[in-house]
Amino acid sequence: MASVISDHSPRELAAELGALLRVDWRTVWDGIPADEAERREWCAEFGWQPLWLEAGLWVRTRRGGRLHLAAPGRPVTYASYTVWKVREDATSEDTGLVAVALDRYAAHLAQMATLLGPPGWEGAWDSPGFPVPPAPGRWGDAEERLAHRAPYRLAQWRYANPLAPVIVLDLHCRTGLGRGGGTINLTFHGPADPHPIGGPGWRL
């Protein structure tokens, strides 16, 4: 049986993306204040509400979404928003999850392209030139990524401004062995991220 964990429409994604594009990311990348009162004030500058600390900070955005600001150290390395997530239990038969996930991904990608223009790169896990990091990161090395077909599809927007985030929409799918599921994430990679898509962070 499949359980829907998160399901934001393309229109909701567009609203969230539009708000995130107006964020002063240079301030975000500099890091999350350690003091609780300062952290609340810092979040308020972006219209965010702090939720909890876990490998960084989780916040509620102005549009009502949940955003994870990953910060293993002082700098924030990336900010991630789960657009769509479905989980299947270990006994599920083939529910057509991949077809549904690809349909959702295509709809969200089309909506993002209306705001950002066509991505600089977009394709499937086995496409030539898939922009993987040169060193193992969150998805492992290229061989591990291919073995797991992860990410299953990916779109990337990069900009000439070195402080602009690298924006990525990715789809992960897992079926067959044990618990499966699918996830679509929107991620803003910061300059201190050691493993953004396509190369190492440029502050390291």
Protein backbone atom coordinates (compact mmCIF):
# COMPACT_ATOMS: atom_id res chain seq x y z
CA MET A 1 0.00 0.00 0.00
CA ALA A 2 1.25 3.49 -0.87
CA SER A 3 1.04 6.40 1.59
CA VAL A 4 1.22 10.03 0.47
CA ILE A 5 3.53 11.97 2.79
CA SER A 6 3.65 15.25 0.87
CA ASP A 7 1.83 16.40 -2.26
CA HIS A 8 2.21 20.03 -3.35
CA SER A 9 0.69 21.04 -6.67
CA PRO A 10 2.74 22.72 -9.41
CA ARG A 11 0.98 25.98 -8.56
CA GLU A 12 2.00 25.65 -4.90
CA LEU A 13 5.57 24.91 -5.98
CA ALA A 14 5.57 28.02 -8.19
CA ALA A 15 4.41 30.17 -5.26
CA GLU A 16 7.09 28.69 -2.97
CA LEU A 17 9.78 29.06 -5.64
CA GLY A 18 8.78 32.67 -6.31
CA ALA A 19 9.17 33.49 -2.60
CA LEU A 20 12.51 31.66 -2.35
CA LEU A 21 13.89 33.54 -5.35
CA ARG A 22 13.46 36.79 -3.38
CA VAL A 23 15.46 35.53 -0.38
CA ASP A 24 18.82 37.15 0.39
CA TRP A 25 20.76 33.89 0.06
CA ARG A 26 24.09 35.48 0.97
CA THR A 27 22.73 36.01 4.49
CA VAL A 28 21.38 32.44 4.61
CA TRP A 29 24.69 30.91 3.48
CA ASP A 30 26.57 32.79 6.23
CA GLY A 31 24.92 30.60 8.85
CA ILE A 32 22.17 30.14 11.39
CA PRO A 33 22.52 32.07 14.68
CA ALA A 34 23.17 29.81 17.69
CA ASP A 35 21.15 31.95 20.10
CA GLU A 36 17.44 31.11 20.05
CA ALA A 37 16.21 34.72 20.18
CA GLU A 38 18.65 35.77 17.45
CA ARG A 39 17.56 32.74 15.40
CA ARG A 40 13.91 33.82 15.59
CA GLU A 41 14.83 37.34 14.46
CA TRP A 42 17.02 35.93 11.67
CA CYS A 43 14.16 33.73 10.43
CA ALA A 44 11.72 36.64 10.63
CA GLU A 45 13.86 38.57 8.11
CA PHE A 46 12.88 35.93 5.52
CA GLY A 47 9.31 35.51 6.72
CA TRP A 48 10.14 32.09 8.17
CA GLN A 49 9.12 30.49 11.45
CA PRO A 50 11.77 28.28 13.11
CA LEU A 51 10.50 24.75 13.82
CA TRP A 52 13.32 22.52 15.13
CA LEU A 53 17.07 21.92 14.91
CA GLU A 54 18.13 18.71 13.15
CA ALA A 55 21.27 18.65 10.96
CA GLY A 56 20.64 22.34 10.55
CA LEU A 57 17.31 24.11 10.96
CA TRP A 58 13.79 23.30 9.79
CA VAL A 59 11.56 26.32 9.16
CA ARG A 60 7.99 27.05 8.10
CA THR A 61 8.06 29.35 5.09
CA ARG A 62 5.84 32.34 4.40
CA ARG A 63 3.85 30.13 1.99
CA GLY A 64 3.31 27.44 4.63
CA GLY A 65 5.88 24.93 3.34
CA ARG A 66 8.65 23.23 5.33
CA LEU A 67 12.22 24.08 4.37
CA HIS A 68 15.35 22.30 5.65
CA LEU A 69 18.44 24.49 5.96
CA ALA A 70 21.29 21.97 6.05
CA ALA A 71 24.15 23.19 8.20
CA PRO A 72 26.65 20.56 9.34
CA GLY A 73 28.90 23.42 10.44
CA ARG A 74 28.56 27.21 10.51
CA PRO A 75 27.71 27.81 6.82
CA VAL A 76 24.36 26.67 5.45
CA THR A 77 25.23 24.32 2.59
CA TYR A 78 21.82 23.89 0.99
CA ALA A 79 18.10 24.47 1.49
CA SER A 80 15.68 21.72 0.50
CA TYR A 81 11.89 21.64 0.06
CA THR A 82 10.01 18.36 -0.44
CA VAL A 83 7.53 18.86 -3.26
CA TRP A 84 6.07 15.34 -3.40
CA LYS A 85 6.71 12.19 -1.38
CA VAL A 86 5.06 8.76 -1.44
CA ARG A 87 6.06 5.72 0.61
CA GLU A 88 5.19 2.09 -0.18
CA ASP A 89 5.32 -0.72 2.37
CA ALA A 90 7.43 -3.83 1.84
CA THR A 91 4.45 -5.94 0.73
CA SER A 92 3.24 -3.60 -2.02
CA GLU A 93 2.74 -5.03 -5.46
CA ASP A 94 3.64 -2.91 -8.50
CA THR A 95 1.46 0.17 -7.98
CA GLY A 96 2.72 2.10 -11.00
CA LEU A 97 4.69 4.37 -8.69
CA VAL A 98 7.37 5.23 -11.26
CA ALA A 99 4.79 6.29 -13.88
CA VAL A 100 2.99 8.48 -11.32
CA ALA A 101 6.29 9.96 -10.09
CA LEU A 102 7.44 10.79 -13.63
CA ASP A 103 4.09 12.45 -14.34
CA ARG A 104 4.37 14.56 -11.17
CA TYR A 105 7.99 15.45 -11.94
CA ALA A 106 7.13 16.56 -15.50
CA ALA A 107 4.31 18.80 -14.25
CA HIS A 108 6.51 20.45 -11.64
CA LEU A 109 9.41 20.85 -14.07
CA ALA A 110 7.14 22.57 -16.58
CA GLN A 111 5.93 24.97 -13.88
CA MET A 112 9.50 25.78 -12.80
CA ALA A 113 10.54 26.42 -16.40
CA THR A 114 7.87 29.13 -16.69
CA LEU A 115 9.63 31.00 -13.87
CA LEU A 116 13.29 30.15 -14.46
CA GLY A 117 13.39 29.37 -18.17
CA PRO A 118 14.55 25.98 -19.45
CA PRO A 119 17.07 24.23 -17.18
CA GLY A 120 20.72 24.23 -18.17
CA TRP A 121 20.65 20.44 -17.87
CA GLU A 122 17.78 17.95 -17.52
CA GLY A 123 17.68 14.21 -17.93
CA ALA A 124 17.37 10.70 -16.57
CA TRP A 125 19.74 8.70 -14.37
CA ASP A 126 21.35 7.01 -17.40
CA SER A 127 21.68 10.12 -19.60
CA PRO A 128 25.14 10.98 -20.94
CA GLY A 129 26.63 13.95 -19.14
CA PHE A 130 24.53 13.54 -15.99
CA PRO A 131 25.97 16.31 -13.74
CA VAL A 132 27.24 14.31 -10.77
CA PRO A 133 29.78 15.64 -8.27
CA PRO A 134 33.44 14.70 -8.90
CA ALA A 135 33.69 13.20 -5.40
CA PRO A 136 31.25 11.02 -3.44
CA GLY A 137 28.52 13.09 -1.80
CA ARG A 138 24.95 12.64 -0.69
CA TRP A 139 24.28 10.29 -3.62
CA GLY A 140 27.61 8.43 -3.52
CA ASP A 141 29.99 8.24 -6.46
CA ALA A 142 28.91 7.86 -10.10
CA GLU A 143 29.00 4.04 -9.94
CA GLU A 144 26.80 3.94 -6.84
CA ARG A 145 24.40 6.48 -8.34
CA LEU A 146 24.00 4.38 -11.48
CA ALA A 147 23.51 1.19 -9.49
CA HIS A 148 20.69 2.77 -7.52
CA ARG A 149 19.36 4.92 -10.40
CA ALA A 150 19.47 7.86 -8.03
CA PRO A 151 18.46 10.52 -8.71
CA TYR A 152 16.04 9.01 -11.24
CA ARG A 153 15.65 12.36 -13.03
CA LEU A 154 17.21 15.75 -12.44
CA ALA A 155 16.97 19.32 -13.72
CA GLN A 156 19.56 21.96 -12.87
CA TRP A 157 19.77 25.74 -13.20
CA ARG A 158 23.17 27.45 -12.74
CA TYR A 159 23.90 31.17 -12.94
CA ALA A 160 26.91 33.36 -13.68
CA ASN A 161 26.68 35.11 -10.30
CA PRO A 162 28.93 33.01 -8.02
CA LEU A 163 26.74 33.69 -4.97
CA ALA A 164 23.50 32.69 -6.72
CA PRO A 165 22.24 29.28 -5.62
CA VAL A 166 22.46 26.28 -7.91
CA ILE A 167 18.80 25.29 -8.20
CA VAL A 168 17.93 21.61 -8.64
CA LEU A 169 14.67 19.70 -9.05
CA ASP A 170 15.28 15.97 -8.60
CA LEU A 171 13.21 12.81 -8.51
CA HIS A 172 14.18 9.73 -6.51
CA CYS A 173 12.31 6.44 -6.96
CA ARG A 174 12.77 3.11 -5.25
CA THR A 175 10.70 0.03 -6.01
CA GLY A 176 11.05 -3.71 -5.58
CA LEU A 177 13.31 -4.43 -2.60
CA GLY A 178 11.71 -3.73 0.76
CA ARG A 179 10.08 -0.39 1.43
CA GLY A 180 9.89 1.73 -1.69
CA GLY A 181 8.68 5.17 -2.60
CA GLY A 182 9.29 8.31 -4.55
CA THR A 183 10.39 11.84 -3.66
CA ILE A 184 10.62 15.08 -5.63
CA ASN A 185 12.81 17.76 -4.02
CA LEU A 186 13.53 21.38 -4.84
CA THR A 187 17.00 22.28 -3.56
CA PHE A 188 18.98 25.53 -3.47
CA HIS A 189 22.69 24.62 -3.20
CA GLY A 190 24.96 27.17 -1.52
CA PRO A 191 28.58 28.03 -2.27
CA ALA A 192 29.86 26.09 0.75
CA ASP A 193 28.17 22.85 -0.33
CA PRO A 194 31.03 20.38 -0.94
CA HIS A 195 28.84 18.24 -3.19
CA PRO A 196 26.44 20.36 -5.26
CA ILE A 197 25.37 18.93 -8.59
CA GLY A 198 28.15 19.47 -11.06
CA GLY A 199 31.09 20.42 -8.87
CA PRO A 200 32.50 21.29 -5.44
CA GLY A 201 31.54 24.35 -3.44
CA TRP A 202 33.49 27.47 -4.38
CA ARG A 203 34.18 28.69 -0.85
CA LEU A 204 36.17 25.59 0.08
